[in-house]
Amino acid sequence: MYLELNFIAFVLFVLGVLGIVFNRTNLILVLMSIEVILLAISLNFIIFSFVLHSITGQIFSIFVLTVAAAESAIGLSIMVAFYKIKGTISIRTLNLLKG
């Protein structure tokens, strides 16, 4: 039972990493891939919390979900500001910024 759940967390993590590697041009897909990675980590914390009969994994999972929510809110607000300036959400135009 635990091995299957751990395998699901591993598959989600790998899908998130592959999403970042192969979709480097679209900012929305990169943010979604980061969210999938954070959810896989959270699932892994919950699984090991259940296996070890400890509540610390569940606490860390809630912390990871809170950080993921803040990260997505900040990322989307940066994306909206970037779209207003450049008119596109392509990551390829990010290297043209000066500052």
PDB file of N, CA and C in Angstrom:
ATOM      1  N   MET A   1       0.827  -1.196   0.000  1.00  0.00           N
ATOM      2  CA  MET A   1       0.000   0.000   0.000  1.00  0.00           C
ATOM      3  C   MET A   1       0.871   1.261   0.000  1.00  0.00           C
ATOM      4  N   TYR A   2       1.867   1.279   0.871  1.00  0.00           N
ATOM      5  CA  TYR A   2       2.708   2.463   0.962  1.00  0.00           C
ATOM      6  C   TYR A   2       3.587   2.623  -0.266  1.00  0.00           C
ATOM      7  N   LEU A   3       3.980   1.501  -0.823  1.00  0.00           N
ATOM      8  CA  LEU A   3       4.833   1.555  -2.006  1.00  0.00           C
ATOM      9  C   LEU A   3       4.087   2.161  -3.190  1.00  0.00           C
ATOM     10  N   GLU A   4       2.806   1.818  -3.340  1.00  0.00           N
ATOM     11  CA  GLU A   4       2.019   2.389  -4.438  1.00  0.00           C
ATOM     12  C   GLU A   4       1.838   3.893  -4.259  1.00  0.00           C
ATOM     13  N   LEU A   5       1.555   4.315  -3.032  1.00  0.00           N
ATOM     14  CA  LEU A   5       1.386   5.750  -2.788  1.00  0.00           C
ATOM     15  C   LEU A   5       2.695   6.505  -2.984  1.00  0.00           C
ATOM     16  N   ASN A   6       3.786   5.888  -2.558  1.00  0.00           N
ATOM     17  CA  ASN A   6       5.089   6.516  -2.754  1.00  0.00           C
ATOM     18  C   ASN A   6       5.438   6.586  -4.240  1.00  0.00           C
ATOM     19  N   PHE A   7       5.045   5.570  -4.987  1.00  0.00           N
ATOM     20  CA  PHE A   7       5.271   5.581  -6.433  1.00  0.00           C
ATOM     21  C   PHE A   7       4.455   6.683  -7.100  1.00  0.00           C
ATOM     22  N   ILE A   8       3.233   6.901  -6.639  1.00  0.00           N
ATOM     23  CA  ILE A   8       2.403   7.981  -7.188  1.00  0.00           C
ATOM     24  C   ILE A   8       3.056   9.337  -6.919  1.00  0.00           C
ATOM     25  N   ALA A   9       3.593   9.522  -5.712  1.00  0.00           N
ATOM     26  CA  ALA A   9       4.285  10.775  -5.394  1.00  0.00           C
ATOM     27  C   ALA A   9       5.514  10.949  -6.274  1.00  0.00           C
ATOM     28  N   PHE A  10       6.234   9.856  -6.509  1.00  0.00           N
ATOM     29  CA  PHE A  10       7.419   9.921  -7.370  1.00  0.00           C
ATOM     30  C   PHE A  10       7.039  10.270  -8.802  1.00  0.00           C
ATOM     31  N   VAL A  11       5.965   9.662  -9.312  1.00  0.00           N
ATOM     32  CA  VAL A  11       5.518   9.945 -10.683  1.00  0.00           C
ATOM     33  C   VAL A  11       5.084  11.401 -10.806  1.00  0.00           C
ATOM     34  N   LEU A  12       4.369  11.917  -9.811  1.00  0.00           N
ATOM     35  CA  LEU A  12       3.972  13.326  -9.843  1.00  0.00           C
ATOM     36  C   LEU A  12       5.188  14.246  -9.838  1.00  0.00           C
ATOM     37  N   PHE A  13       6.185  13.909  -9.040  1.00  0.00           N
ATOM     38  CA  PHE A  13       7.400  14.720  -8.988  1.00  0.00           C
ATOM     39  C   PHE A  13       8.120  14.712 -10.332  1.00  0.00           C
ATOM     40  N   VAL A  14       8.243  13.537 -10.934  1.00  0.00           N
ATOM     41  CA  VAL A  14       8.924  13.432 -12.231  1.00  0.00           C
ATOM     42  C   VAL A  14       8.139  14.173 -13.309  1.00  0.00           C
ATOM     43  N   LEU A  15       6.805  14.080 -13.283  1.00  0.00           N
ATOM     44  CA  LEU A  15       5.994  14.815 -14.260  1.00  0.00           C
ATOM     45  C   LEU A  15       6.175  16.326 -14.103  1.00  0.00           C
ATOM     46  N   GLY A  16       6.275  16.799 -12.875  1.00  0.00           N
ATOM     47  CA  GLY A  16       6.515  18.219 -12.653  1.00  0.00           C
ATOM     48  C   GLY A  16       7.865  18.668 -13.171  1.00  0.00           C
ATOM     49  N   VAL A  17       8.894  17.862 -12.922  1.00  0.00           N
ATOM     50  CA  VAL A  17      10.234  18.208 -13.416  1.00  0.00           C
ATOM     51  C   VAL A  17      10.265  18.175 -14.935  1.00  0.00           C
ATOM     52  N   LEU A  18       9.646  17.158 -15.529  1.00  0.00           N
ATOM     53  CA  LEU A  18       9.598  17.089 -16.994  1.00  0.00           C
ATOM     54  C   LEU A  18       8.796  18.246 -17.580  1.00  0.00           C
ATOM     55  N   GLY A  19       7.757  18.682 -16.877  1.00  0.00           N
ATOM     56  CA  GLY A  19       6.993  19.840 -17.329  1.00  0.00           C
ATOM     57  C   GLY A  19       7.826  21.102 -17.349  1.00  0.00           C
ATOM     58  N   ILE A  20       8.706  21.256 -16.369  1.00  0.00           N
ATOM     59  CA  ILE A  20       9.589  22.422 -16.352  1.00  0.00           C
ATOM     60  C   ILE A  20      10.635  22.319 -17.452  1.00  0.00           C
ATOM     61  N   VAL A  21      11.180  21.125 -17.643  1.00  0.00           N
ATOM     62  CA  VAL A  21      12.249  20.950 -18.630  1.00  0.00           C
ATOM     63  C   VAL A  21      11.730  21.145 -20.049  1.00  0.00           C
ATOM     64  N   PHE A  22      10.574  20.581 -20.364  1.00  0.00           N
ATOM     65  CA  PHE A  22      10.098  20.604 -21.747  1.00  0.00           C
ATOM     66  C   PHE A  22       9.231  21.809 -22.092  1.00  0.00           C
ATOM     67  N   ASN A  23       8.684  22.510 -21.115  1.00  0.00           N
ATOM     68  CA  ASN A  23       7.833  23.672 -21.390  1.00  0.00           C
ATOM     69  C   ASN A  23       8.484  24.930 -20.840  1.00  0.00           C
ATOM     70  N   ARG A  24       9.631  25.254 -21.365  1.00  0.00           N
ATOM     71  CA  ARG A  24      10.358  26.409 -20.858  1.00  0.00           C
ATOM     72  C   ARG A  24       9.928  27.712 -21.522  1.00  0.00           C
ATOM     73  N   THR A  25       8.949  27.677 -22.395  1.00  0.00           N
ATOM     74  CA  THR A  25       8.553  28.900 -23.082  1.00  0.00           C
ATOM     75  C   THR A  25       7.288  29.518 -22.501  1.00  0.00           C
ATOM     76  N   ASN A  26       6.465  28.748 -21.818  1.00  0.00           N
ATOM     77  CA  ASN A  26       5.194  29.251 -21.313  1.00  0.00           C
ATOM     78  C   ASN A  26       5.254  29.353 -19.791  1.00  0.00           C
ATOM     79  N   LEU A  27       5.041  30.543 -19.284  1.00  0.00           N
ATOM     80  CA  LEU A  27       5.162  30.789 -17.856  1.00  0.00           C
ATOM     81  C   LEU A  27       4.068  30.090 -17.060  1.00  0.00           C
ATOM     82  N   ILE A  28       2.878  29.989 -17.599  1.00  0.00           N
ATOM     83  CA  ILE A  28       1.783  29.327 -16.885  1.00  0.00           C
ATOM     84  C   ILE A  28       2.080  27.849 -16.694  1.00  0.00           C
ATOM     85  N   LEU A  29       2.611  27.199 -17.716  1.00  0.00           N
ATOM     86  CA  LEU A  29       2.933  25.778 -17.599  1.00  0.00           C
ATOM     87  C   LEU A  29       4.071  25.535 -16.613  1.00  0.00           C
ATOM     88  N   VAL A  30       5.018  26.446 -16.547  1.00  0.00           N
ATOM     89  CA  VAL A  30       6.106  26.309 -15.575  1.00  0.00           C
ATOM     90  C   VAL A  30       5.566  26.451 -14.156  1.00  0.00           C
ATOM     91  N   LEU A  31       4.681  27.415 -13.932  1.00  0.00           N
ATOM     92  CA  LEU A  31       4.084  27.582 -12.606  1.00  0.00           C
ATOM     93  C   LEU A  31       3.244  26.370 -12.220  1.00  0.00           C
ATOM     94  N   MET A  32       2.507  25.815 -13.175  1.00  0.00           N
ATOM     95  CA  MET A  32       1.718  24.613 -12.890  1.00  0.00           C
ATOM     96  C   MET A  32       2.620  23.423 -12.579  1.00  0.00           C
ATOM     97  N   SER A  33       3.736  23.316 -13.253  1.00  0.00           N
ATOM     98  CA  SER A  33       4.672  22.220 -12.983  1.00  0.00           C
ATOM     99  C   SER A  33       5.287  22.352 -11.593  1.00  0.00           C
ATOM    100  N   ILE A  34       5.578  23.569 -11.182  1.00  0.00           N
ATOM    101  CA  ILE A  34       6.101  23.782  -9.831  1.00  0.00           C
ATOM    102  C   ILE A  34       5.053  23.401  -8.792  1.00  0.00           C
ATOM    103  N   GLU A  35       3.797  23.710  -9.061  1.00  0.00           N
ATOM    104  CA  GLU A  35       2.725  23.320  -8.144  1.00  0.00           C
ATOM    105  C   GLU A  35       2.603  21.802  -8.051  1.00  0.00           C
ATOM    106  N   VAL A  36       2.756  21.099  -9.166  1.00  0.00           N
ATOM    107  CA  VAL A  36       2.694  19.634  -9.148  1.00  0.00           C
ATOM    108  C   VAL A  36       3.846  19.069  -8.323  1.00  0.00           C
ATOM    109  N   ILE A  37       5.031  19.662  -8.451  1.00  0.00           N
ATOM    110  CA  ILE A  37       6.179  19.214  -7.656  1.00  0.00           C
ATOM    111  C   ILE A  37       5.906  19.423  -6.165  1.00  0.00           C
ATOM    112  N   LEU A  38       5.370  20.570  -5.806  1.00  0.00           N
ATOM    113  CA  LEU A  38       5.092  20.832  -4.394  1.00  0.00           C
ATOM    114  C   LEU A  38       3.999  19.917  -3.855  1.00  0.00           C
ATOM    115  N   LEU A  39       3.012  19.580  -4.666  1.00  0.00           N
ATOM    116  CA  LEU A  39       1.981  18.640  -4.225  1.00  0.00           C
ATOM    117  C   LEU A  39       2.533  17.231  -4.074  1.00  0.00           C
ATOM    118  N   ALA A  40       3.472  16.846  -4.916  1.00  0.00           N
ATOM    119  CA  ALA A  40       4.110  15.535  -4.774  1.00  0.00           C
ATOM    120  C   ALA A  40       4.921  15.474  -3.484  1.00  0.00           C
ATOM    121  N   ILE A  41       5.611  16.543  -3.166  1.00  0.00           N
ATOM    122  CA  ILE A  41       6.366  16.594  -1.913  1.00  0.00           C
ATOM    123  C   ILE A  41       5.418  16.524  -0.721  1.00  0.00           C
ATOM    124  N   SER A  42       4.304  17.226  -0.809  1.00  0.00           N
ATOM    125  CA  SER A  42       3.322  17.197   0.266  1.00  0.00           C
ATOM    126  C   SER A  42       2.732  15.799   0.441  1.00  0.00           C
ATOM    127  N   LEU A  43       2.435  15.127  -0.658  1.00  0.00           N
ATOM    128  CA  LEU A  43       1.926  13.756  -0.586  1.00  0.00           C
ATOM    129  C   LEU A  43       2.953  12.826   0.044  1.00  0.00           C
ATOM    130  N   ASN A  44       4.210  13.028  -0.284  1.00  0.00           N
ATOM    131  CA  ASN A  44       5.276  12.216   0.297  1.00  0.00           C
ATOM    132  C   ASN A  44       5.386  12.449   1.807  1.00  0.00           C
ATOM    133  N   PHE A  45       5.258  13.691   2.253  1.00  0.00           N
ATOM    134  CA  PHE A  45       5.263  13.977   3.687  1.00  0.00           C
ATOM    135  C   PHE A  45       4.109  13.272   4.392  1.00  0.00           C
ATOM    136  N   ILE A  46       2.927  13.298   3.785  1.00  0.00           N
ATOM    137  CA  ILE A  46       1.762  12.663   4.402  1.00  0.00           C
ATOM    138  C   ILE A  46       1.931  11.149   4.465  1.00  0.00           C
ATOM    139  N   ILE A  47       2.474  10.558   3.413  1.00  0.00           N
ATOM    140  CA  ILE A  47       2.690   9.108   3.401  1.00  0.00           C
ATOM    141  C   ILE A  47       3.651   8.702   4.513  1.00  0.00           C
ATOM    142  N   PHE A  48       4.770   9.390   4.615  1.00  0.00           N
ATOM    143  CA  PHE A  48       5.742   9.023   5.644  1.00  0.00           C
ATOM    144  C   PHE A  48       5.258   9.378   7.045  1.00  0.00           C
ATOM    145  N   SER A  49       4.406  10.363   7.163  1.00  0.00           N
ATOM    146  CA  SER A  49       3.793  10.651   8.452  1.00  0.00           C
ATOM    147  C   SER A  49       2.882   9.508   8.873  1.00  0.00           C
ATOM    148  N   PHE A  50       2.164   8.948   7.922  1.00  0.00           N
ATOM    149  CA  PHE A  50       1.282   7.817   8.217  1.00  0.00           C
ATOM    150  C   PHE A  50       2.088   6.567   8.547  1.00  0.00           C
ATOM    151  N   VAL A  51       3.179   6.352   7.831  1.00  0.00           N
ATOM    152  CA  VAL A  51       4.013   5.166   8.061  1.00  0.00           C
ATOM    153  C   VAL A  51       4.704   5.240   9.422  1.00  0.00           C
ATOM    154  N   LEU A  52       5.232   6.400   9.772  1.00  0.00           N
ATOM    155  CA  LEU A  52       5.995   6.551  11.010  1.00  0.00           C
ATOM    156  C   LEU A  52       5.128   6.889  12.220  1.00  0.00           C
ATOM    157  N   HIS A  53       3.822   7.012  12.033  1.00  0.00           N
ATOM    158  CA  HIS A  53       2.877   7.343  13.108  1.00  0.00           C
ATOM    159  C   HIS A  53       3.281   8.633  13.816  1.00  0.00           C
ATOM    160  N   SER A  54       3.565   9.647  13.015  1.00  0.00           N
ATOM    161  CA  SER A  54       3.974  10.938  13.544  1.00  0.00           C
ATOM    162  C   SER A  54       3.151  12.026  12.869  1.00  0.00           C
ATOM    163  N   ILE A  55       2.926  13.098  13.582  1.00  0.00           N
ATOM    164  CA  ILE A  55       2.119  14.186  13.033  1.00  0.00           C
ATOM    165  C   ILE A  55       2.978  15.244  12.341  1.00  0.00           C
ATOM    166  N   THR A  56       4.291  15.153  12.469  1.00  0.00           N
ATOM    167  CA  THR A  56       5.157  16.192  11.909  1.00  0.00           C
ATOM    168  C   THR A  56       5.073  16.242  10.385  1.00  0.00           C
ATOM    169  N   GLY A  57       4.891  15.115   9.733  1.00  0.00           N
ATOM    170  CA  GLY A  57       4.748  15.111   8.274  1.00  0.00           C
ATOM    171  C   GLY A  57       3.507  15.849   7.821  1.00  0.00           C
ATOM    172  N   GLN A  58       2.431  15.716   8.585  1.00  0.00           N
ATOM    173  CA  GLN A  58       1.205  16.429   8.243  1.00  0.00           C
ATOM    174  C   GLN A  58       1.364  17.926   8.461  1.00  0.00           C
ATOM    175  N   ILE A  59       2.099  18.299   9.487  1.00  0.00           N
ATOM    176  CA  ILE A  59       2.362  19.720   9.733  1.00  0.00           C
ATOM    177  C   ILE A  59       3.212  20.300   8.610  1.00  0.00           C
ATOM    178  N   PHE A  60       4.248  19.569   8.206  1.00  0.00           N
ATOM    179  CA  PHE A  60       5.072  20.029   7.088  1.00  0.00           C
ATOM    180  C   PHE A  60       4.265  20.088   5.799  1.00  0.00           C
ATOM    181  N   SER A  61       3.329  19.168   5.628  1.00  0.00           N
ATOM    182  CA  SER A  61       2.489  19.172   4.434  1.00  0.00           C
ATOM    183  C   SER A  61       1.617  20.425   4.381  1.00  0.00           C
ATOM    184  N   ILE A  62       1.047  20.795   5.510  1.00  0.00           N
ATOM    185  CA  ILE A  62       0.252  22.027   5.563  1.00  0.00           C
ATOM    186  C   ILE A  62       1.137  23.239   5.286  1.00  0.00           C
ATOM    187  N   PHE A  63       2.348  23.225   5.811  1.00  0.00           N
ATOM    188  CA  PHE A  63       3.295  24.314   5.554  1.00  0.00           C
ATOM    189  C   PHE A  63       3.646  24.391   4.073  1.00  0.00           C
ATOM    190  N   VAL A  64       3.877  23.242   3.437  1.00  0.00           N
ATOM    191  CA  VAL A  64       4.203  23.217   2.004  1.00  0.00           C
ATOM    192  C   VAL A  64       3.029  23.737   1.186  1.00  0.00           C
ATOM    193  N   LEU A  65       1.809  23.363   1.543  1.00  0.00           N
ATOM    194  CA  LEU A  65       0.638  23.861   0.815  1.00  0.00           C
ATOM    195  C   LEU A  65       0.475  25.369   0.988  1.00  0.00           C
ATOM    196  N   THR A  66       0.791  25.884   2.171  1.00  0.00           N
ATOM    197  CA  THR A  66       0.726  27.331   2.397  1.00  0.00           C
ATOM    198  C   THR A  66       1.761  28.063   1.554  1.00  0.00           C
ATOM    199  N   VAL A  67       2.967  27.541   1.523  1.00  0.00           N
ATOM    200  CA  VAL A  67       4.022  28.148   0.702  1.00  0.00           C
ATOM    201  C   VAL A  67       3.659  28.061  -0.778  1.00  0.00           C
ATOM    202  N   ALA A  68       3.046  26.954  -1.202  1.00  0.00           N
ATOM    203  CA  ALA A  68       2.642  26.806  -2.601  1.00  0.00           C
ATOM    204  C   ALA A  68       1.571  27.825  -2.975  1.00  0.00           C
ATOM    205  N   ALA A  69       0.638  28.080  -2.065  1.00  0.00           N
ATOM    206  CA  ALA A  69      -0.397  29.075  -2.345  1.00  0.00           C
ATOM    207  C   ALA A  69       0.206  30.473  -2.467  1.00  0.00           C
ATOM    208  N   ALA A  70       1.124  30.801  -1.573  1.00  0.00           N
ATOM    209  CA  ALA A  70       1.781  32.112  -1.649  1.00  0.00           C
ATOM    210  C   ALA A  70       2.630  32.227  -2.903  1.00  0.00           C
ATOM    211  N   GLU A  71       3.321  31.151  -3.248  1.00  0.00           N
ATOM    212  CA  GLU A  71       4.162  31.160  -4.449  1.00  0.00           C
ATOM    213  C   GLU A  71       3.328  31.340  -5.708  1.00  0.00           C
ATOM    214  N   SER A  72       2.188  30.674  -5.771  1.00  0.00           N
ATOM    215  CA  SER A  72       1.360  30.814  -6.971  1.00  0.00           C
ATOM    216  C   SER A  72       0.745  32.208  -7.056  1.00  0.00           C
ATOM    217  N   ALA A  73       0.367  32.792  -5.924  1.00  0.00           N
ATOM    218  CA  ALA A  73      -0.189  34.146  -5.947  1.00  0.00           C
ATOM    219  C   ALA A  73       0.860  35.159  -6.396  1.00  0.00           C
ATOM    220  N   ILE A  74       2.068  35.041  -5.878  1.00  0.00           N
ATOM    221  CA  ILE A  74       3.141  35.961  -6.273  1.00  0.00           C
ATOM    222  C   ILE A  74       3.524  35.743  -7.730  1.00  0.00           C
ATOM    223  N   GLY A  75       3.624  34.485  -8.142  1.00  0.00           N
ATOM    224  CA  GLY A  75       3.976  34.181  -9.534  1.00  0.00           C
ATOM    225  C   GLY A  75       2.941  34.688 -10.518  1.00  0.00           C
ATOM    226  N   LEU A  76       1.668  34.520 -10.192  1.00  0.00           N
ATOM    227  CA  LEU A  76       0.624  35.008 -11.098  1.00  0.00           C
ATOM    228  C   LEU A  76       0.579  36.532 -11.140  1.00  0.00           C
ATOM    229  N   SER A  77       0.839  37.191 -10.010  1.00  0.00           N
ATOM    230  CA  SER A  77       0.854  38.658 -10.040  1.00  0.00           C
ATOM    231  C   SER A  77       2.038  39.180 -10.851  1.00  0.00           C
ATOM    232  N   ILE A  78       3.188  38.522 -10.757  1.00  0.00           N
ATOM    233  CA  ILE A  78       4.332  38.904 -11.589  1.00  0.00           C
ATOM    234  C   ILE A  78       4.020  38.655 -13.055  1.00  0.00           C
ATOM    235  N   MET A  79       3.323  37.552 -13.348  1.00  0.00           N
ATOM    236  CA  MET A  79       2.971  37.236 -14.725  1.00  0.00           C
ATOM    237  C   MET A  79       2.003  38.273 -15.306  1.00  0.00           C
ATOM    238  N   VAL A  80       1.041  38.720 -14.510  1.00  0.00           N
ATOM    239  CA  VAL A  80       0.099  39.738 -14.984  1.00  0.00           C
ATOM    240  C   VAL A  80       0.832  41.051 -15.254  1.00  0.00           C
ATOM    241  N   ALA A  81       1.744  41.431 -14.368  1.00  0.00           N
ATOM    242  CA  ALA A  81       2.523  42.654 -14.590  1.00  0.00           C
ATOM    243  C   ALA A  81       3.405  42.524 -15.823  1.00  0.00           C
ATOM    244  N   PHE A  82       3.999  41.358 -16.018  1.00  0.00           N
ATOM    245  CA  PHE A  82       4.840  41.117 -17.194  1.00  0.00           C
ATOM    246  C   PHE A  82       4.008  41.166 -18.472  1.00  0.00           C
ATOM    247  N   TYR A  83       2.784  40.632 -18.428  1.00  0.00           N
ATOM    248  CA  TYR A  83       1.917  40.659 -19.604  1.00  0.00           C
ATOM    249  C   TYR A  83       1.496  42.089 -19.940  1.00  0.00           C
ATOM    250  N   LYS A  84       1.270  42.900 -18.917  1.00  0.00           N
ATOM    251  CA  LYS A  84       0.898  44.290 -19.170  1.00  0.00           C
ATOM    252  C   LYS A  84       2.037  45.062 -19.822  1.00  0.00           C
ATOM    253  N   ILE A  85       3.271  44.733 -19.465  1.00  0.00           N
ATOM    254  CA  ILE A  85       4.425  45.441 -20.022  1.00  0.00           C
ATOM    255  C   ILE A  85       4.767  44.936 -21.416  1.00  0.00           C
ATOM    256  N   LYS A  86       4.888  43.631 -21.574  1.00  0.00           N
ATOM    257  CA  LYS A  86       5.377  43.044 -22.827  1.00  0.00           C
ATOM    258  C   LYS A  86       4.280  42.598 -23.781  1.00  0.00           C
ATOM    259  N   GLY A  87       3.087  42.287 -23.281  1.00  0.00           N
ATOM    260  CA  GLY A  87       2.017  41.813 -24.149  1.00  0.00           C
ATOM    261  C   GLY A  87       2.087  40.325 -24.446  1.00  0.00           C
ATOM    262  N   THR A  88       2.972  39.598 -23.782  1.00  0.00           N
ATOM    263  CA  THR A  88       3.098  38.159 -23.957  1.00  0.00           C
ATOM    264  C   THR A  88       3.552  37.542 -22.634  1.00  0.00           C
ATOM    265  N   ILE A  89       3.328  36.228 -22.501  1.00  0.00           N
ATOM    266  CA  ILE A  89       3.785  35.541 -21.293  1.00  0.00           C
ATOM    267  C   ILE A  89       4.887  34.546 -21.620  1.00  0.00           C
ATOM    268  N   SER A  90       5.538  34.737 -22.730  1.00  0.00           N
ATOM    269  CA  SER A  90       6.622  33.848 -23.129  1.00  0.00           C
ATOM    270  C   SER A  90       7.860  34.111 -22.280  1.00  0.00           C
ATOM    271  N   ILE A  91       8.482  33.053 -21.839  1.00  0.00           N
ATOM    272  CA  ILE A  91       9.675  33.183 -21.002  1.00  0.00           C
ATOM    273  C   ILE A  91      10.875  33.624 -21.832  1.00  0.00           C
ATOM    274  N   ARG A  92      10.840  33.408 -23.114  1.00  0.00           N
ATOM    275  CA  ARG A  92      11.970  33.790 -23.970  1.00  0.00           C
ATOM    276  C   ARG A  92      12.222  35.297 -23.959  1.00  0.00           C
ATOM    277  N   THR A  93      11.205  36.088 -23.683  1.00  0.00           N
ATOM    278  CA  THR A  93      11.387  37.541 -23.646  1.00  0.00           C
ATOM    279  C   THR A  93      11.855  38.037 -22.285  1.00  0.00           C
ATOM    280  N   LEU A  94      11.986  37.160 -21.307  1.00  0.00           N
ATOM    281  CA  LEU A  94      12.446  37.590 -19.983  1.00  0.00           C
ATOM    282  C   LEU A  94      13.895  38.042 -19.997  1.00  0.00           C
ATOM    283  N   ASN A  95      14.718  37.481 -20.871  1.00  0.00           N
ATOM    284  CA  ASN A  95      16.122  37.872 -20.890  1.00  0.00           C
ATOM    285  C   ASN A  95      16.332  39.241 -21.526  1.00  0.00           C
ATOM    286  N   LEU A  96      15.290  39.842 -22.051  1.00  0.00           N
ATOM    287  CA  LEU A  96      15.405  41.169 -22.646  1.00  0.00           C
ATOM    288  C   LEU A  96      15.192  42.283 -21.623  1.00  0.00           C
ATOM    289  N   LEU A  97      14.832  41.931 -20.396  1.00  0.00           N
ATOM    290  CA  LEU A  97      14.614  42.940 -19.367  1.00  0.00           C
ATOM    291  C   LEU A  97      15.941  43.507 -18.899  1.00  0.00           C
ATOM    292  N   LYS A  98      15.944  44.794 -18.634  1.00  0.00           N
ATOM    293  CA  LYS A  98      17.159  45.434 -18.150  1.00  0.00           C
ATOM    294  C   LYS A  98      16.877  45.995 -16.772  1.00  0.00           C
ATOM    295  N   GLY A  99      17.876  45.988 -15.935  1.00  0.00           N
ATOM    296  CA  GLY A  99      17.655  46.516 -14.601  1.00  0.00           C
ATOM    297  C   GLY A  99      18.840  46.366 -13.716  1.00  0.00           C
TER     298      GLY A  99
END
